Amino acid sequence: MEPIQIVLIVLVAAGIWAVVELALTIRRARTTVDTLDKTMNEVNEAIGEARPVIAKLDGVVDDLQPALSQVEPLLKQGSVAIEALSADLIEINGVLRDVSQVTGTVSTASDAVSGIADAATEKVQRLLGKKHRTASAKRALSESAEPKDADASDALAAEDADTRADTEPAPIEAPANRYFTYSDGTAGEDSND
């Protein structure tokens, strides 16, 4: 055999082998194309189903555009309202401080008036008690005329001394006031205003 024949046989064998490989590759490509075709059909169906949803979302976004344009002014109005509320709270805090001071003053005045009224009531009661005691002591003396009169007069003198001590004005003490102060949030502070 000549070398040309051998080369031709090798070339024919290589050609046959190339044709077989090409056929196998085409068969695999056909399977891949079929799978790709099925996938594309499924994607098209999904897109077909998603189109109404996308259209609805588009309509919702169109409807939201005017609302979104109104959000910024609403936020500005909310900010202004919060600032006004803050200013009002500061004013209320000042008013509460004033009320606290007035409450303390009224409490002090009320305690002073109460102390004066209690002292006056006590003096009236002592005065009435003194008259009552002296009248009963005189009756006791007139009823008993025995030698024990000296003892009765000593008891009467001691009782008169007690009555005089009771009728002397007692010093009025300033009561300690307790009230709620709004300025620092603590309750029960002693105030001696």
C-alpha atoms as a PDB file:
ATOM      1  CA  MET A   1       0.000   0.000   0.000  1.00  0.00           C
ATOM      2  CA  GLU A   2       1.137   3.274  -0.877  1.00  0.00           C
ATOM      3  CA  PRO A   3       1.334   6.159   1.487  1.00  0.00           C
ATOM      4  CA  ILE A   4      -1.359   8.056  -0.372  1.00  0.00           C
ATOM      5  CA  GLN A   5      -3.799   5.281   0.152  1.00  0.00           C
ATOM      6  CA  ILE A   6      -2.951   5.115   3.826  1.00  0.00           C
ATOM      7  CA  VAL A   7      -3.471   8.862   4.128  1.00  0.00           C
ATOM      8  CA  LEU A   8      -6.771   8.578   2.281  1.00  0.00           C
ATOM      9  CA  ILE A   9      -7.927   5.751   4.566  1.00  0.00           C
ATOM     10  CA  VAL A  10      -6.962   7.829   7.607  1.00  0.00           C
ATOM     11  CA  LEU A  11      -8.760  10.847   6.164  1.00  0.00           C
ATOM     12  CA  VAL A  12     -11.882   8.785   5.439  1.00  0.00           C
ATOM     13  CA  ALA A  13     -11.803   7.337   8.943  1.00  0.00           C
ATOM     14  CA  ALA A  14     -11.383  10.844  10.402  1.00  0.00           C
ATOM     15  CA  GLY A  15     -14.230  12.104   8.257  1.00  0.00           C
ATOM     16  CA  ILE A  16     -16.517   9.286   9.401  1.00  0.00           C
ATOM     17  CA  TRP A  17     -15.552   9.945  12.972  1.00  0.00           C
ATOM     18  CA  ALA A  18     -16.251  13.709  12.516  1.00  0.00           C
ATOM     19  CA  VAL A  19     -19.660  12.980  10.964  1.00  0.00           C
ATOM     20  CA  VAL A  20     -20.584  10.679  13.895  1.00  0.00           C
ATOM     21  CA  GLU A  21     -19.485  13.318  16.421  1.00  0.00           C
ATOM     22  CA  LEU A  22     -21.421  15.972  14.531  1.00  0.00           C
ATOM     23  CA  ALA A  23     -24.548  13.787  14.586  1.00  0.00           C
ATOM     24  CA  LEU A  24     -24.207  13.163  18.335  1.00  0.00           C
ATOM     25  CA  THR A  25     -23.690  16.865  18.979  1.00  0.00           C
ATOM     26  CA  ILE A  26     -26.737  17.759  16.873  1.00  0.00           C
ATOM     27  CA  ARG A  27     -28.848  15.195  18.781  1.00  0.00           C
ATOM     28  CA  ARG A  28     -27.748  16.678  22.132  1.00  0.00           C
ATOM     29  CA  ALA A  29     -28.355  20.174  20.824  1.00  0.00           C
ATOM     30  CA  ARG A  30     -31.841  19.136  19.715  1.00  0.00           C
ATOM     31  CA  THR A  31     -32.618  17.867  23.254  1.00  0.00           C
ATOM     32  CA  THR A  32     -31.237  21.070  24.728  1.00  0.00           C
ATOM     33  CA  VAL A  33     -33.267  23.167  22.281  1.00  0.00           C
ATOM     34  CA  ASP A  34     -36.426  21.218  23.171  1.00  0.00           C
ATOM     35  CA  THR A  35     -35.792  21.804  26.880  1.00  0.00           C
ATOM     36  CA  LEU A  36     -35.074  25.467  26.190  1.00  0.00           C
ATOM     37  CA  ASP A  37     -38.262  25.709  24.149  1.00  0.00           C
ATOM     38  CA  LYS A  38     -40.303  24.235  26.996  1.00  0.00           C
ATOM     39  CA  THR A  39     -38.669  26.633  29.464  1.00  0.00           C
ATOM     40  CA  MET A  40     -39.380  29.591  27.202  1.00  0.00           C
ATOM     41  CA  ASN A  41     -43.034  28.517  26.899  1.00  0.00           C
ATOM     42  CA  GLU A  42     -43.281  28.380  30.697  1.00  0.00           C
ATOM     43  CA  VAL A  43     -41.616  31.799  30.983  1.00  0.00           C
ATOM     44  CA  ASN A  44     -44.061  33.204  28.414  1.00  0.00           C
ATOM     45  CA  GLU A  45     -46.990  31.755  30.379  1.00  0.00           C
ATOM     46  CA  ALA A  46     -45.628  33.266  33.618  1.00  0.00           C
ATOM     47  CA  ILE A  47     -45.205  36.622  31.898  1.00  0.00           C
ATOM     48  CA  GLY A  48     -48.727  36.331  30.518  1.00  0.00           C
ATOM     49  CA  GLU A  49     -50.046  35.706  34.035  1.00  0.00           C
ATOM     50  CA  ALA A  50     -47.924  38.519  35.479  1.00  0.00           C
ATOM     51  CA  ARG A  51     -49.083  41.131  32.968  1.00  0.00           C
ATOM     52  CA  PRO A  52     -52.413  41.825  34.752  1.00  0.00           C
ATOM     53  CA  VAL A  53     -50.578  42.084  38.092  1.00  0.00           C
ATOM     54  CA  ILE A  54     -48.039  44.442  36.554  1.00  0.00           C
ATOM     55  CA  ALA A  55     -50.864  46.490  35.040  1.00  0.00           C
ATOM     56  CA  LYS A  56     -52.552  46.685  38.471  1.00  0.00           C
ATOM     57  CA  LEU A  57     -49.270  47.700  40.114  1.00  0.00           C
ATOM     58  CA  ASP A  58     -48.808  50.350  37.466  1.00  0.00           C
ATOM     59  CA  GLY A  59     -52.302  51.686  38.219  1.00  0.00           C
ATOM     60  CA  VAL A  60     -51.565  51.643  41.962  1.00  0.00           C
ATOM     61  CA  VAL A  61     -48.311  53.546  41.406  1.00  0.00           C
ATOM     62  CA  ASP A  62     -50.202  56.066  39.269  1.00  0.00           C
ATOM     63  CA  ASP A  63     -52.778  56.429  42.056  1.00  0.00           C
ATOM     64  CA  LEU A  64     -50.008  56.828  44.658  1.00  0.00           C
ATOM     65  CA  GLN A  65     -48.277  59.652  42.826  1.00  0.00           C
ATOM     66  CA  PRO A  66     -50.758  62.334  43.999  1.00  0.00           C
ATOM     67  CA  ALA A  67     -50.721  60.872  47.517  1.00  0.00           C
ATOM     68  CA  LEU A  68     -46.924  60.868  47.581  1.00  0.00           C
ATOM     69  CA  SER A  69     -46.898  64.490  46.501  1.00  0.00           C
ATOM     70  CA  GLN A  70     -49.171  65.302  49.474  1.00  0.00           C
ATOM     71  CA  VAL A  71     -46.997  63.462  52.023  1.00  0.00           C
ATOM     72  CA  GLU A  72     -44.325  66.156  52.141  1.00  0.00           C
ATOM     73  CA  PRO A  73     -46.759  68.973  53.045  1.00  0.00           C
ATOM     74  CA  LEU A  74     -48.363  66.677  55.640  1.00  0.00           C
ATOM     75  CA  LEU A  75     -44.951  66.038  57.183  1.00  0.00           C
ATOM     76  CA  LYS A  76     -44.292  69.770  57.295  1.00  0.00           C
ATOM     77  CA  GLN A  77     -47.683  70.374  58.940  1.00  0.00           C
ATOM     78  CA  GLY A  78     -46.949  67.594  61.441  1.00  0.00           C
ATOM     79  CA  SER A  79     -43.631  69.196  62.270  1.00  0.00           C
ATOM     80  CA  VAL A  80     -45.311  72.566  62.811  1.00  0.00           C
ATOM     81  CA  ALA A  81     -47.972  70.930  65.005  1.00  0.00           C
ATOM     82  CA  ILE A  82     -45.309  69.215  67.116  1.00  0.00           C
ATOM     83  CA  GLU A  83     -43.464  72.498  67.567  1.00  0.00           C
ATOM     84  CA  ALA A  84     -46.703  74.210  68.611  1.00  0.00           C
ATOM     85  CA  LEU A  85     -47.458  71.390  71.045  1.00  0.00           C
ATOM     86  CA  SER A  86     -43.974  71.723  72.504  1.00  0.00           C
ATOM     87  CA  ALA A  87     -44.496  75.467  72.985  1.00  0.00           C
ATOM     88  CA  ASP A  88     -47.885  74.794  74.628  1.00  0.00           C
ATOM     89  CA  LEU A  89     -46.304  72.276  76.991  1.00  0.00           C
ATOM     90  CA  ILE A  90     -43.689  74.846  77.981  1.00  0.00           C
ATOM     91  CA  GLU A  91     -46.476  77.347  78.727  1.00  0.00           C
ATOM     92  CA  ILE A  92     -48.393  74.727  80.712  1.00  0.00           C
ATOM     93  CA  ASN A  93     -45.252  74.020  82.732  1.00  0.00           C
ATOM     94  CA  GLY A  94     -45.034  77.746  83.584  1.00  0.00           C
ATOM     95  CA  VAL A  95     -48.709  77.819  84.568  1.00  0.00           C
ATOM     96  CA  LEU A  96     -48.231  74.769  86.775  1.00  0.00           C
ATOM     97  CA  ARG A  97     -45.297  76.458  88.500  1.00  0.00           C
ATOM     98  CA  ASP A  98     -47.531  79.487  89.151  1.00  0.00           C
ATOM     99  CA  VAL A  99     -50.306  77.218  90.449  1.00  0.00           C
ATOM    100  CA  SER A 100     -47.775  75.528  92.719  1.00  0.00           C
ATOM    101  CA  GLN A 101     -46.716  78.888  94.158  1.00  0.00           C
ATOM    102  CA  VAL A 102     -50.329  79.994  94.617  1.00  0.00           C
ATOM    103  CA  THR A 103     -51.148  76.667  96.255  1.00  0.00           C
ATOM    104  CA  GLY A 104     -48.270  77.121  98.677  1.00  0.00           C
ATOM    105  CA  THR A 105     -49.349  80.656  99.510  1.00  0.00           C
ATOM    106  CA  VAL A 106     -52.989  79.629  99.998  1.00  0.00           C
ATOM    107  CA  SER A 107     -51.891  76.702 102.146  1.00  0.00           C
ATOM    108  CA  THR A 108     -49.809  78.987 104.352  1.00  0.00           C
ATOM    109  CA  ALA A 109     -52.654  81.503 104.650  1.00  0.00           C
ATOM    110  CA  SER A 110     -55.142  78.726 105.370  1.00  0.00           C
ATOM    111  CA  ASP A 111     -52.935  77.313 108.104  1.00  0.00           C
ATOM    112  CA  ALA A 112     -52.491  80.774 109.638  1.00  0.00           C
ATOM    113  CA  VAL A 113     -56.269  81.421 109.609  1.00  0.00           C
ATOM    114  CA  SER A 114     -56.856  77.971 111.046  1.00  0.00           C
ATOM    115  CA  GLY A 115     -54.342  78.639 113.812  1.00  0.00           C
ATOM    116  CA  ILE A 116     -55.995  81.968 114.662  1.00  0.00           C
ATOM    117  CA  ALA A 117     -59.452  80.376 114.673  1.00  0.00           C
ATOM    118  CA  ASP A 118     -58.234  77.510 116.874  1.00  0.00           C
ATOM    119  CA  ALA A 119     -56.642  79.963 119.317  1.00  0.00           C
ATOM    120  CA  ALA A 120     -59.823  82.064 119.457  1.00  0.00           C
ATOM    121  CA  THR A 121     -61.979  78.972 119.974  1.00  0.00           C
ATOM    122  CA  GLU A 122     -59.663  77.757 122.713  1.00  0.00           C
ATOM    123  CA  LYS A 123     -59.798  81.116 124.487  1.00  0.00           C
ATOM    124  CA  VAL A 124     -63.601  81.188 124.311  1.00  0.00           C
ATOM    125  CA  GLN A 125     -63.757  77.670 125.683  1.00  0.00           C
ATOM    126  CA  ARG A 126     -61.384  78.557 128.500  1.00  0.00           C
ATOM    127  CA  LEU A 127     -63.379  81.680 129.295  1.00  0.00           C
ATOM    128  CA  LEU A 128     -66.643  79.728 129.361  1.00  0.00           C
ATOM    129  CA  GLY A 129     -64.966  76.982 131.369  1.00  0.00           C
ATOM    130  CA  LYS A 130     -63.687  79.523 133.878  1.00  0.00           C
ATOM    131  CA  LYS A 131     -67.168  80.974 134.393  1.00  0.00           C
ATOM    132  CA  HIS A 132     -68.600  77.495 134.700  1.00  0.00           C
ATOM    133  CA  ARG A 133     -65.926  76.468 137.234  1.00  0.00           C
ATOM    134  CA  THR A 134     -66.325  79.616 139.356  1.00  0.00           C
ATOM    135  CA  ALA A 135     -70.116  79.242 139.435  1.00  0.00           C
ATOM    136  CA  SER A 136     -69.848  75.601 140.500  1.00  0.00           C
ATOM    137  CA  ALA A 137     -67.179  76.474 143.058  1.00  0.00           C
ATOM    138  CA  LYS A 138     -69.407  79.199 144.584  1.00  0.00           C
ATOM    139  CA  ARG A 139     -72.288  76.765 144.804  1.00  0.00           C
ATOM    140  CA  ALA A 140     -70.063  74.254 146.514  1.00  0.00           C
ATOM    141  CA  LEU A 141     -68.965  76.878 149.049  1.00  0.00           C
ATOM    142  CA  SER A 142     -72.446  78.075 149.820  1.00  0.00           C
ATOM    143  CA  GLU A 143     -73.717  74.514 150.265  1.00  0.00           C
ATOM    144  CA  SER A 144     -71.017  73.491 152.671  1.00  0.00           C
ATOM    145  CA  ALA A 145     -70.559  75.666 155.743  1.00  0.00           C
ATOM    146  CA  GLU A 146     -68.302  73.250 157.619  1.00  0.00           C
ATOM    147  CA  PRO A 147     -64.774  73.974 158.870  1.00  0.00           C
ATOM    148  CA  LYS A 148     -63.448  72.456 155.633  1.00  0.00           C
ATOM    149  CA  ASP A 149     -64.146  75.826 154.015  1.00  0.00           C
ATOM    150  CA  ALA A 150     -60.452  76.631 154.177  1.00  0.00           C
ATOM    151  CA  ASP A 151     -59.661  73.566 152.066  1.00  0.00           C
ATOM    152  CA  ALA A 152     -62.395  74.509 149.538  1.00  0.00           C
ATOM    153  CA  SER A 153     -61.097  78.075 149.273  1.00  0.00           C
ATOM    154  CA  ASP A 154     -57.552  76.746 148.688  1.00  0.00           C
ATOM    155  CA  ALA A 155     -58.868  74.437 145.932  1.00  0.00           C
ATOM    156  CA  LEU A 156     -60.776  77.390 144.456  1.00  0.00           C
ATOM    157  CA  ALA A 157     -57.648  79.555 144.480  1.00  0.00           C
ATOM    158  CA  ALA A 158     -55.641  76.780 142.772  1.00  0.00           C
ATOM    159  CA  GLU A 159     -58.385  76.368 140.180  1.00  0.00           C
ATOM    160  CA  ASP A 160     -58.402  80.140 139.492  1.00  0.00           C
ATOM    161  CA  ALA A 161     -54.618  80.057 139.004  1.00  0.00           C
ATOM    162  CA  ASP A 162     -55.008  77.187 136.527  1.00  0.00           C
ATOM    163  CA  THR A 163     -57.757  79.086 134.706  1.00  0.00           C
ATOM    164  CA  ARG A 164     -55.582  82.207 134.465  1.00  0.00           C
ATOM    165  CA  ALA A 165     -52.729  80.152 133.055  1.00  0.00           C
ATOM    166  CA  ASP A 166     -55.149  78.619 130.543  1.00  0.00           C
ATOM    167  CA  THR A 167     -56.478  81.991 129.369  1.00  0.00           C
ATOM    168  CA  GLU A 168     -53.066  83.481 128.598  1.00  0.00           C
ATOM    169  CA  PRO A 169     -52.538  83.587 124.866  1.00  0.00           C
ATOM    170  CA  ALA A 170     -50.497  80.685 123.557  1.00  0.00           C
ATOM    171  CA  PRO A 171     -47.849  81.437 120.935  1.00  0.00           C
ATOM    172  CA  ILE A 172     -49.000  80.569 117.435  1.00  0.00           C
ATOM    173  CA  GLU A 173     -46.594  78.262 115.650  1.00  0.00           C
ATOM    174  CA  ALA A 174     -46.221  78.430 111.896  1.00  0.00           C
ATOM    175  CA  PRO A 175     -47.234  75.019 110.573  1.00  0.00           C
ATOM    176  CA  ALA A 176     -44.962  73.231 108.107  1.00  0.00           C
ATOM    177  CA  ASN A 177     -46.644  73.200 104.712  1.00  0.00           C
ATOM    178  CA  ARG A 178     -46.446  70.226 102.401  1.00  0.00           C
ATOM    179  CA  TYR A 179     -47.609  70.523  98.835  1.00  0.00           C
ATOM    180  CA  PHE A 180     -46.709  69.275  95.380  1.00  0.00           C
ATOM    181  CA  THR A 181     -44.274  71.359  93.360  1.00  0.00           C
ATOM    182  CA  TYR A 182     -44.560  70.958  89.601  1.00  0.00           C
ATOM    183  CA  SER A 183     -41.254  72.562  88.674  1.00  0.00           C
ATOM    184  CA  ASP A 184     -38.972  69.649  89.559  1.00  0.00           C
ATOM    185  CA  GLY A 185     -41.504  66.807  89.868  1.00  0.00           C
ATOM    186  CA  THR A 186     -40.909  65.969  93.545  1.00  0.00           C
ATOM    187  CA  ALA A 187     -43.828  65.638  95.948  1.00  0.00           C
ATOM    188  CA  GLY A 188     -43.979  66.554  99.598  1.00  0.00           C
ATOM    189  CA  GLU A 189     -41.355  69.278  99.784  1.00  0.00           C
ATOM    190  CA  ASP A 190     -41.351  71.280 102.969  1.00  0.00           C
ATOM    191  CA  SER A 191     -42.094  74.899 102.325  1.00  0.00           C
ATOM    192  CA  ASN A 192     -41.832  77.605 104.915  1.00  0.00           C
ATOM    193  CA  ASP A 193     -42.862  80.582 102.797  1.00  0.00           C
END
